[in-house]
Amino acid sequence: MGGRYRADTEQILAVVNRAKEIGQRLEERITDIEREVTALNVEWDGDAATAHRTKHDTRRREMNDMRTALAQLETNARGAHDRYIANAQHNSGMWP
């Protein structure tokens, strides 16, 4: 009862690259929002401004977490890709 296992490493890398692109676009949008938030804080104060700043700071921390997670995902996916290719080549070389 042997099954064939196959890993489409190129597709895995494509998904990781797409996630990275989306993350970069999100960061660009967050940068735009930060500019506007900074401008708002010049003229905005009180409880609403404080609550907004708190949420904004949370968003910034979460963006940093996302950036770190995406970098780790890319590192892991590339490592898995390279190991899979190396093992496949090694295994193929064992039989003529």
PDB file of N, CA and C in Angstrom:
ATOM      1  N   MET A   1       0.834  -1.175   0.000  1.00  0.00           N
ATOM      2  CA  MET A   1       0.000   0.000   0.000  1.00  0.00           C
ATOM      3  C   MET A   1       0.888   1.250   0.000  1.00  0.00           C
ATOM      4  N   GLY A   2       1.701   1.373  -1.013  1.00  0.00           N
ATOM      5  CA  GLY A   2       2.584   2.517  -1.095  1.00  0.00           C
ATOM      6  C   GLY A   2       1.944   3.656  -1.858  1.00  0.00           C
ATOM      7  N   GLY A   3       2.060   4.825  -1.329  1.00  0.00           N
ATOM      8  CA  GLY A   3       1.530   6.007  -1.995  1.00  0.00           C
ATOM      9  C   GLY A   3       2.661   6.871  -2.511  1.00  0.00           C
ATOM     10  N   ARG A   4       2.336   7.682  -3.460  1.00  0.00           N
ATOM     11  CA  ARG A   4       3.339   8.615  -3.981  1.00  0.00           C
ATOM     12  C   ARG A   4       3.166   9.944  -3.268  1.00  0.00           C
ATOM     13  N   TYR A   5       4.252  10.394  -2.721  1.00  0.00           N
ATOM     14  CA  TYR A   5       4.244  11.697  -2.075  1.00  0.00           C
ATOM     15  C   TYR A   5       5.020  12.657  -2.956  1.00  0.00           C
ATOM     16  N   ARG A   6       4.495  13.833  -3.071  1.00  0.00           N
ATOM     17  CA  ARG A   6       5.144  14.830  -3.910  1.00  0.00           C
ATOM     18  C   ARG A   6       4.983  16.187  -3.243  1.00  0.00           C
ATOM     19  N   ALA A   7       6.052  16.913  -3.212  1.00  0.00           N
ATOM     20  CA  ALA A   7       5.999  18.275  -2.682  1.00  0.00           C
ATOM     21  C   ALA A   7       6.290  19.229  -3.834  1.00  0.00           C
ATOM     22  N   ASP A   8       5.381  20.126  -4.086  1.00  0.00           N
ATOM     23  CA  ASP A   8       5.595  21.127  -5.130  1.00  0.00           C
ATOM     24  C   ASP A   8       6.304  22.310  -4.476  1.00  0.00           C
ATOM     25  N   THR A   9       7.625  22.181  -4.385  1.00  0.00           N
ATOM     26  CA  THR A   9       8.408  23.188  -3.666  1.00  0.00           C
ATOM     27  C   THR A   9       8.354  24.552  -4.343  1.00  0.00           C
ATOM     28  N   GLU A  10       8.237  24.566  -5.653  1.00  0.00           N
ATOM     29  CA  GLU A  10       8.149  25.854  -6.353  1.00  0.00           C
ATOM     30  C   GLU A  10       6.840  26.563  -6.005  1.00  0.00           C
ATOM     31  N   GLN A  11       5.765  25.801  -5.897  1.00  0.00           N
ATOM     32  CA  GLN A  11       4.482  26.408  -5.532  1.00  0.00           C
ATOM     33  C   GLN A  11       4.513  26.904  -4.088  1.00  0.00           C
ATOM     34  N   ILE A  12       5.169  26.147  -3.222  1.00  0.00           N
ATOM     35  CA  ILE A  12       5.305  26.588  -1.830  1.00  0.00           C
ATOM     36  C   ILE A  12       6.045  27.918  -1.782  1.00  0.00           C
ATOM     37  N   LEU A  13       7.149  28.019  -2.522  1.00  0.00           N
ATOM     38  CA  LEU A  13       7.903  29.277  -2.552  1.00  0.00           C
ATOM     39  C   LEU A  13       7.072  30.405  -3.156  1.00  0.00           C
ATOM     40  N   ALA A  14       6.270  30.097  -4.169  1.00  0.00           N
ATOM     41  CA  ALA A  14       5.412  31.120  -4.784  1.00  0.00           C
ATOM     42  C   ALA A  14       4.398  31.648  -3.773  1.00  0.00           C
ATOM     43  N   VAL A  15       3.827  30.763  -2.971  1.00  0.00           N
ATOM     44  CA  VAL A  15       2.866  31.192  -1.943  1.00  0.00           C
ATOM     45  C   VAL A  15       3.563  32.068  -0.904  1.00  0.00           C
ATOM     46  N   VAL A  16       4.754  31.672  -0.498  1.00  0.00           N
ATOM     47  CA  VAL A  16       5.511  32.462   0.478  1.00  0.00           C
ATOM     48  C   VAL A  16       5.846  33.834  -0.102  1.00  0.00           C
ATOM     49  N   ASN A  17       6.268  33.869  -1.368  1.00  0.00           N
ATOM     50  CA  ASN A  17       6.580  35.151  -2.003  1.00  0.00           C
ATOM     51  C   ASN A  17       5.343  36.038  -2.101  1.00  0.00           C
ATOM     52  N   ARG A  18       4.212  35.438  -2.399  1.00  0.00           N
ATOM     53  CA  ARG A  18       2.950  36.199  -2.477  1.00  0.00           C
ATOM     54  C   ARG A  18       2.598  36.772  -1.106  1.00  0.00           C
ATOM     55  N   ALA A  19       2.755  35.976  -0.069  1.00  0.00           N
ATOM     56  CA  ALA A  19       2.488  36.459   1.287  1.00  0.00           C
ATOM     57  C   ALA A  19       3.422  37.616   1.634  1.00  0.00           C
ATOM     58  N   LYS A  20       4.666  37.506   1.210  1.00  0.00           N
ATOM     59  CA  LYS A  20       5.639  38.575   1.461  1.00  0.00           C
ATOM     60  C   LYS A  20       5.231  39.860   0.732  1.00  0.00           C
ATOM     61  N   GLU A  21       4.784  39.729  -0.524  1.00  0.00           N
ATOM     62  CA  GLU A  21       4.327  40.897  -1.291  1.00  0.00           C
ATOM     63  C   GLU A  21       3.127  41.561  -0.608  1.00  0.00           C
ATOM     64  N   ILE A  22       2.194  40.753  -0.152  1.00  0.00           N
ATOM     65  CA  ILE A  22       1.018  41.298   0.538  1.00  0.00           C
ATOM     66  C   ILE A  22       1.457  42.014   1.807  1.00  0.00           C
ATOM     67  N   GLY A  23       2.384  41.421   2.536  1.00  0.00           N
ATOM     68  CA  GLY A  23       2.909  42.057   3.744  1.00  0.00           C
ATOM     69  C   GLY A  23       3.558  43.397   3.446  1.00  0.00           C
ATOM     70  N   GLN A  24       4.308  43.467   2.349  1.00  0.00           N
ATOM     71  CA  GLN A  24       4.947  44.728   1.966  1.00  0.00           C
ATOM     72  C   GLN A  24       3.909  45.790   1.612  1.00  0.00           C
ATOM     73  N   ARG A  25       2.850  45.375   0.903  1.00  0.00           N
ATOM     74  CA  ARG A  25       1.795  46.338   0.561  1.00  0.00           C
ATOM     75  C   ARG A  25       1.083  46.824   1.821  1.00  0.00           C
ATOM     76  N   LEU A  26       0.852  45.914   2.758  1.00  0.00           N
ATOM     77  CA  LEU A  26       0.234  46.322   4.023  1.00  0.00           C
ATOM     78  C   LEU A  26       1.111  47.330   4.752  1.00  0.00           C
ATOM     79  N   GLU A  27       2.409  47.071   4.755  1.00  0.00           N
ATOM     80  CA  GLU A  27       3.324  48.002   5.417  1.00  0.00           C
ATOM     81  C   GLU A  27       3.290  49.381   4.759  1.00  0.00           C
ATOM     82  N   GLU A  28       3.206  49.406   3.439  1.00  0.00           N
ATOM     83  CA  GLU A  28       3.108  50.689   2.737  1.00  0.00           C
ATOM     84  C   GLU A  28       1.846  51.435   3.147  1.00  0.00           C
ATOM     85  N   ARG A  29       0.737  50.715   3.224  1.00  0.00           N
ATOM     86  CA  ARG A  29      -0.531  51.341   3.630  1.00  0.00           C
ATOM     87  C   ARG A  29      -0.443  51.826   5.074  1.00  0.00           C
ATOM     88  N   ILE A  30       0.175  51.025   5.940  1.00  0.00           N
ATOM     89  CA  ILE A  30       0.327  51.429   7.341  1.00  0.00           C
ATOM     90  C   ILE A  30       1.175  52.694   7.429  1.00  0.00           C
ATOM     91  N   THR A  31       2.209  52.791   6.604  1.00  0.00           N
ATOM     92  CA  THR A  31       3.039  54.000   6.590  1.00  0.00           C
ATOM     93  C   THR A  31       2.198  55.213   6.213  1.00  0.00           C
ATOM     94  N   ASP A  32       1.332  55.058   5.216  1.00  0.00           N
ATOM     95  CA  ASP A  32       0.427  56.149   4.832  1.00  0.00           C
ATOM     96  C   ASP A  32      -0.487  56.528   5.995  1.00  0.00           C
ATOM     97  N   ILE A  33      -1.025  55.519   6.659  1.00  0.00           N
ATOM     98  CA  ILE A  33      -1.923  55.768   7.793  1.00  0.00           C
ATOM     99  C   ILE A  33      -1.171  56.458   8.922  1.00  0.00           C
ATOM    100  N   GLU A  34       0.064  56.029   9.182  1.00  0.00           N
ATOM    101  CA  GLU A  34       0.859  56.654  10.244  1.00  0.00           C
ATOM    102  C   GLU A  34       1.068  58.140   9.978  1.00  0.00           C
ATOM    103  N   ARG A  35       1.298  58.479   8.712  1.00  0.00           N
ATOM    104  CA  ARG A  35       1.451  59.894   8.365  1.00  0.00           C
ATOM    105  C   ARG A  35       0.197  60.678   8.739  1.00  0.00           C
ATOM    106  N   GLU A  36      -0.956  60.099   8.411  1.00  0.00           N
ATOM    107  CA  GLU A  36      -2.216  60.775   8.724  1.00  0.00           C
ATOM    108  C   GLU A  36      -2.473  60.816  10.222  1.00  0.00           C
ATOM    109  N   VAL A  37      -2.126  59.746  10.923  1.00  0.00           N
ATOM    110  CA  VAL A  37      -2.302  59.714  12.380  1.00  0.00           C
ATOM    111  C   VAL A  37      -1.433  60.782  13.029  1.00  0.00           C
ATOM    112  N   THR A  38      -0.205  60.916  12.550  1.00  0.00           N
ATOM    113  CA  THR A  38       0.688  61.937  13.090  1.00  0.00           C
ATOM    114  C   THR A  38       0.087  63.323  12.891  1.00  0.00           C
ATOM    115  N   ALA A  39      -0.458  63.563  11.722  1.00  0.00           N
ATOM    116  CA  ALA A  39      -1.091  64.858  11.452  1.00  0.00           C
ATOM    117  C   ALA A  39      -2.305  65.068  12.355  1.00  0.00           C
ATOM    118  N   LEU A  40      -3.072  64.023  12.591  1.00  0.00           N
ATOM    119  CA  LEU A  40      -4.240  64.139  13.466  1.00  0.00           C
ATOM    120  C   LEU A  40      -3.841  64.476  14.893  1.00  0.00           C
ATOM    121  N   ASN A  41      -2.776  63.876  15.372  1.00  0.00           N
ATOM    122  CA  ASN A  41      -2.371  64.089  16.755  1.00  0.00           C
ATOM    123  C   ASN A  41      -1.878  65.506  17.011  1.00  0.00           C
ATOM    124  N   VAL A  42      -1.510  66.207  15.970  1.00  0.00           N
ATOM    125  CA  VAL A  42      -1.091  67.591  16.131  1.00  0.00           C
ATOM    126  C   VAL A  42      -2.267  68.431  16.625  1.00  0.00           C
ATOM    127  N   GLU A  43      -3.461  68.123  16.144  1.00  0.00           N
ATOM    128  CA  GLU A  43      -4.636  68.922  16.484  1.00  0.00           C
ATOM    129  C   GLU A  43      -5.664  68.163  17.315  1.00  0.00           C
ATOM    130  N   TRP A  44      -5.396  66.916  17.643  1.00  0.00           N
ATOM    131  CA  TRP A  44      -6.394  66.066  18.267  1.00  0.00           C
ATOM    132  C   TRP A  44      -5.906  65.646  19.637  1.00  0.00           C
ATOM    133  N   ASP A  45      -6.744  65.825  20.661  1.00  0.00           N
ATOM    134  CA  ASP A  45      -6.391  65.351  21.992  1.00  0.00           C
ATOM    135  C   ASP A  45      -7.643  64.862  22.705  1.00  0.00           C
ATOM    136  N   GLY A  46      -7.455  64.364  23.890  1.00  0.00           N
ATOM    137  CA  GLY A  46      -8.585  63.844  24.649  1.00  0.00           C
ATOM    138  C   GLY A  46      -8.629  62.325  24.628  1.00  0.00           C
ATOM    139  N   ASP A  47      -9.705  61.798  25.197  1.00  0.00           N
ATOM    140  CA  ASP A  47      -9.845  60.346  25.331  1.00  0.00           C
ATOM    141  C   ASP A  47      -9.869  59.632  23.980  1.00  0.00           C
ATOM    142  N   ALA A  48     -10.562  60.198  23.013  1.00  0.00           N
ATOM    143  CA  ALA A  48     -10.644  59.557  21.697  1.00  0.00           C
ATOM    144  C   ALA A  48      -9.266  59.491  21.040  1.00  0.00           C
ATOM    145  N   ALA A  49      -8.502  60.564  21.150  1.00  0.00           N
ATOM    146  CA  ALA A  49      -7.156  60.582  20.575  1.00  0.00           C
ATOM    147  C   ALA A  49      -6.259  59.565  21.279  1.00  0.00           C
ATOM    148  N   THR A  50      -6.381  59.472  22.591  1.00  0.00           N
ATOM    149  CA  THR A  50      -5.594  58.505  23.356  1.00  0.00           C
ATOM    150  C   THR A  50      -5.957  57.076  22.965  1.00  0.00           C
ATOM    151  N   ALA A  51      -7.255  56.794  22.854  1.00  0.00           N
ATOM    152  CA  ALA A  51      -7.706  55.454  22.464  1.00  0.00           C
ATOM    153  C   ALA A  51      -7.226  55.116  21.053  1.00  0.00           C
ATOM    154  N   HIS A  52      -7.291  56.098  20.163  1.00  0.00           N
ATOM    155  CA  HIS A  52      -6.838  55.870  18.794  1.00  0.00           C
ATOM    156  C   HIS A  52      -5.345  55.573  18.767  1.00  0.00           C
ATOM    157  N   ARG A  53      -4.574  56.350  19.507  1.00  0.00           N
ATOM    158  CA  ARG A  53      -3.120  56.144  19.557  1.00  0.00           C
ATOM    159  C   ARG A  53      -2.803  54.754  20.121  1.00  0.00           C
ATOM    160  N   THR A  54      -3.532  54.329  21.137  1.00  0.00           N
ATOM    161  CA  THR A  54      -3.312  53.006  21.726  1.00  0.00           C
ATOM    162  C   THR A  54      -3.557  51.913  20.691  1.00  0.00           C
ATOM    163  N   LYS A  55      -4.661  52.022  19.965  1.00  0.00           N
ATOM    164  CA  LYS A  55      -4.968  51.038  18.917  1.00  0.00           C
ATOM    165  C   LYS A  55      -3.917  51.087  17.804  1.00  0.00           C
ATOM    166  N   HIS A  56      -3.500  52.281  17.471  1.00  0.00           N
ATOM    167  CA  HIS A  56      -2.491  52.450  16.432  1.00  0.00           C
ATOM    168  C   HIS A  56      -1.173  51.794  16.855  1.00  0.00           C
ATOM    169  N   ASP A  57      -0.776  52.001  18.093  1.00  0.00           N
ATOM    170  CA  ASP A  57       0.451  51.384  18.599  1.00  0.00           C
ATOM    171  C   ASP A  57       0.348  49.862  18.582  1.00  0.00           C
ATOM    172  N   THR A  58      -0.827  49.343  18.917  1.00  0.00           N
ATOM    173  CA  THR A  58      -1.056  47.897  18.854  1.00  0.00           C
ATOM    174  C   THR A  58      -0.886  47.406  17.426  1.00  0.00           C
ATOM    175  N   ARG A  59      -1.446  48.133  16.476  1.00  0.00           N
ATOM    176  CA  ARG A  59      -1.327  47.773  15.060  1.00  0.00           C
ATOM    177  C   ARG A  59       0.141  47.745  14.627  1.00  0.00           C
ATOM    178  N   ARG A  60       0.912  48.704  15.096  1.00  0.00           N
ATOM    179  CA  ARG A  60       2.335  48.745  14.738  1.00  0.00           C
ATOM    180  C   ARG A  60       3.073  47.525  15.287  1.00  0.00           C
ATOM    181  N   ARG A  61       2.778  47.153  16.527  1.00  0.00           N
ATOM    182  CA  ARG A  61       3.406  45.962  17.101  1.00  0.00           C
ATOM    183  C   ARG A  61       3.008  44.714  16.313  1.00  0.00           C
ATOM    184  N   GLU A  62       1.738  44.648  15.946  1.00  0.00           N
ATOM    185  CA  GLU A  62       1.261  43.489  15.182  1.00  0.00           C
ATOM    186  C   GLU A  62       1.897  43.433  13.794  1.00  0.00           C
ATOM    187  N   MET A  63       2.145  44.584  13.189  1.00  0.00           N
ATOM    188  CA  MET A  63       2.836  44.609  11.895  1.00  0.00           C
ATOM    189  C   MET A  63       4.262  44.090  12.053  1.00  0.00           C
ATOM    190  N   ASN A  64       4.918  44.473  13.135  1.00  0.00           N
ATOM    191  CA  ASN A  64       6.263  43.956  13.388  1.00  0.00           C
ATOM    192  C   ASN A  64       6.231  42.441  13.573  1.00  0.00           C
ATOM    193  N   ASP A  65       5.221  41.953  14.296  1.00  0.00           N
ATOM    194  CA  ASP A  65       5.066  40.504  14.474  1.00  0.00           C
ATOM    195  C   ASP A  65       4.864  39.819  13.125  1.00  0.00           C
ATOM    196  N   MET A  66       4.032  40.419  12.268  1.00  0.00           N
ATOM    197  CA  MET A  66       3.771  39.843  10.951  1.00  0.00           C
ATOM    198  C   MET A  66       5.053  39.811  10.117  1.00  0.00           C
ATOM    199  N   ARG A  67       5.807  40.897  10.160  1.00  0.00           N
ATOM    200  CA  ARG A  67       7.057  40.978   9.400  1.00  0.00           C
ATOM    201  C   ARG A  67       8.024  39.873   9.852  1.00  0.00           C
ATOM    202  N   THR A  68       8.124  39.695  11.159  1.00  0.00           N
ATOM    203  CA  THR A  68       8.998  38.656  11.703  1.00  0.00           C
ATOM    204  C   THR A  68       8.520  37.268  11.283  1.00  0.00           C
ATOM    205  N   ALA A  69       7.209  37.036  11.368  1.00  0.00           N
ATOM    206  CA  ALA A  69       6.645  35.729  11.000  1.00  0.00           C
ATOM    207  C   ALA A  69       6.851  35.444   9.513  1.00  0.00           C
ATOM    208  N   LEU A  70       6.664  36.455   8.664  1.00  0.00           N
ATOM    209  CA  LEU A  70       6.861  36.254   7.224  1.00  0.00           C
ATOM    210  C   LEU A  70       8.325  35.960   6.901  1.00  0.00           C
ATOM    211  N   ALA A  71       9.235  36.636   7.583  1.00  0.00           N
ATOM    212  CA  ALA A  71      10.661  36.376   7.360  1.00  0.00           C
ATOM    213  C   ALA A  71      11.012  34.952   7.779  1.00  0.00           C
ATOM    214  N   GLN A  72      10.462  34.509   8.910  1.00  0.00           N
ATOM    215  CA  GLN A  72      10.717  33.143   9.372  1.00  0.00           C
ATOM    216  C   GLN A  72      10.103  32.121   8.416  1.00  0.00           C
ATOM    217  N   LEU A  73       8.901  32.415   7.937  1.00  0.00           N
ATOM    218  CA  LEU A  73       8.240  31.528   6.974  1.00  0.00           C
ATOM    219  C   LEU A  73       9.084  31.390   5.714  1.00  0.00           C
ATOM    220  N   GLU A  74       9.595  32.512   5.229  1.00  0.00           N
ATOM    221  CA  GLU A  74      10.425  32.476   4.023  1.00  0.00           C
ATOM    222  C   GLU A  74      11.694  31.663   4.265  1.00  0.00           C
ATOM    223  N   THR A  75      12.342  31.886   5.394  1.00  0.00           N
ATOM    224  CA  THR A  75      13.555  31.136   5.727  1.00  0.00           C
ATOM    225  C   THR A  75      13.272  29.638   5.788  1.00  0.00           C
ATOM    226  N   ASN A  76      12.196  29.275   6.474  1.00  0.00           N
ATOM    227  CA  ASN A  76      11.846  27.857   6.607  1.00  0.00           C
ATOM    228  C   ASN A  76      11.469  27.235   5.267  1.00  0.00           C
ATOM    229  N   ALA A  77      10.696  27.955   4.462  1.00  0.00           N
ATOM    230  CA  ALA A  77      10.271  27.415   3.166  1.00  0.00           C
ATOM    231  C   ALA A  77      11.465  27.236   2.235  1.00  0.00           C
ATOM    232  N   ARG A  78      12.355  28.212   2.215  1.00  0.00           N
ATOM    233  CA  ARG A  78      13.536  28.083   1.349  1.00  0.00           C
ATOM    234  C   ARG A  78      14.435  26.939   1.820  1.00  0.00           C
ATOM    235  N   GLY A  79      14.588  26.808   3.129  1.00  0.00           N
ATOM    236  CA  GLY A  79      15.385  25.699   3.659  1.00  0.00           C
ATOM    237  C   GLY A  79      14.771  24.354   3.312  1.00  0.00           C
ATOM    238  N   ALA A  80      13.452  24.242   3.468  1.00  0.00           N
ATOM    239  CA  ALA A  80      12.759  22.992   3.131  1.00  0.00           C
ATOM    240  C   ALA A  80      12.890  22.699   1.638  1.00  0.00           C
ATOM    241  N   HIS A  81      12.751  23.731   0.831  1.00  0.00           N
ATOM    242  CA  HIS A  81      12.900  23.586  -0.625  1.00  0.00           C
ATOM    243  C   HIS A  81      14.282  23.031  -0.962  1.00  0.00           C
ATOM    244  N   ASP A  82      15.310  23.667  -0.418  1.00  0.00           N
ATOM    245  CA  ASP A  82      16.679  23.254  -0.725  1.00  0.00           C
ATOM    246  C   ASP A  82      16.954  21.828  -0.249  1.00  0.00           C
ATOM    247  N   ARG A  83      16.478  21.490   0.955  1.00  0.00           N
ATOM    248  CA  ARG A  83      16.685  20.131   1.470  1.00  0.00           C
ATOM    249  C   ARG A  83      15.922  19.102   0.635  1.00  0.00           C
ATOM    250  N   TYR A  84      14.705  19.427   0.244  1.00  0.00           N
ATOM    251  CA  TYR A  84      13.902  18.506  -0.562  1.00  0.00           C
ATOM    252  C   TYR A  84      14.591  18.230  -1.898  1.00  0.00           C
ATOM    253  N   ILE A  85      15.053  19.280  -2.555  1.00  0.00           N
ATOM    254  CA  ILE A  85      15.737  19.129  -3.846  1.00  0.00           C
ATOM    255  C   ILE A  85      17.010  18.302  -3.673  1.00  0.00           C
ATOM    256  N   ALA A  86      17.799  18.614  -2.644  1.00  0.00           N
ATOM    257  CA  ALA A  86      19.045  17.879  -2.411  1.00  0.00           C
ATOM    258  C   ALA A  86      18.765  16.405  -2.132  1.00  0.00           C
ATOM    259  N   ASN A  87      17.753  16.127  -1.329  1.00  0.00           N
ATOM    260  CA  ASN A  87      17.421  14.729  -1.027  1.00  0.00           C
ATOM    261  C   ASN A  87      16.905  14.000  -2.262  1.00  0.00           C
ATOM    262  N   ALA A  88      16.087  14.658  -3.063  1.00  0.00           N
ATOM    263  CA  ALA A  88      15.572  14.034  -4.286  1.00  0.00           C
ATOM    264  C   ALA A  88      16.719  13.704  -5.235  1.00  0.00           C
ATOM    265  N   GLN A  89      17.666  14.623  -5.373  1.00  0.00           N
ATOM    266  CA  GLN A  89      18.821  14.372  -6.241  1.00  0.00           C
ATOM    267  C   GLN A  89      19.672  13.226  -5.696  1.00  0.00           C
ATOM    268  N   HIS A  90      19.874  13.228  -4.395  1.00  0.00           N
ATOM    269  CA  HIS A  90      20.659  12.159  -3.769  1.00  0.00           C
ATOM    270  C   HIS A  90      19.982  10.803  -3.973  1.00  0.00           C
ATOM    271  N   ASN A  91      18.685  10.751  -3.707  1.00  0.00           N
ATOM    272  CA  ASN A  91      17.947   9.494  -3.855  1.00  0.00           C
ATOM    273  C   ASN A  91      17.938   9.019  -5.304  1.00  0.00           C
ATOM    274  N   SER A  92      17.792   9.936  -6.241  1.00  0.00           N
ATOM    275  CA  SER A  92      17.809   9.568  -7.667  1.00  0.00           C
ATOM    276  C   SER A  92      19.167   9.016  -8.071  1.00  0.00           C
ATOM    277  N   GLY A  93      20.205   9.546  -7.475  1.00  0.00           N
ATOM    278  CA  GLY A  93      21.554   9.095  -7.797  1.00  0.00           C
ATOM    279  C   GLY A  93      21.882   7.718  -7.242  1.00  0.00           C
ATOM    280  N   MET A  94      21.080   7.228  -6.331  1.00  0.00           N
ATOM    281  CA  MET A  94      21.339   5.916  -5.733  1.00  0.00           C
ATOM    282  C   MET A  94      20.945   4.777  -6.665  1.00  0.00           C
ATOM    283  N   TRP A  95      20.059   5.046  -7.633  1.00  0.00           N
ATOM    284  CA  TRP A  95      19.610   4.005  -8.554  1.00  0.00           C
ATOM    285  C   TRP A  95      19.838   4.472  -9.990  1.00  0.00           C
ATOM    286  N   PRO A  96      20.423   3.583 -10.792  1.00  0.00           N
ATOM    287  CA  PRO A  96      20.683   3.973 -12.192  1.00  0.00           C
ATOM    288  C   PRO A  96      19.423   4.096 -13.011  1.00  0.00           C
TER     289      PRO A  96
END
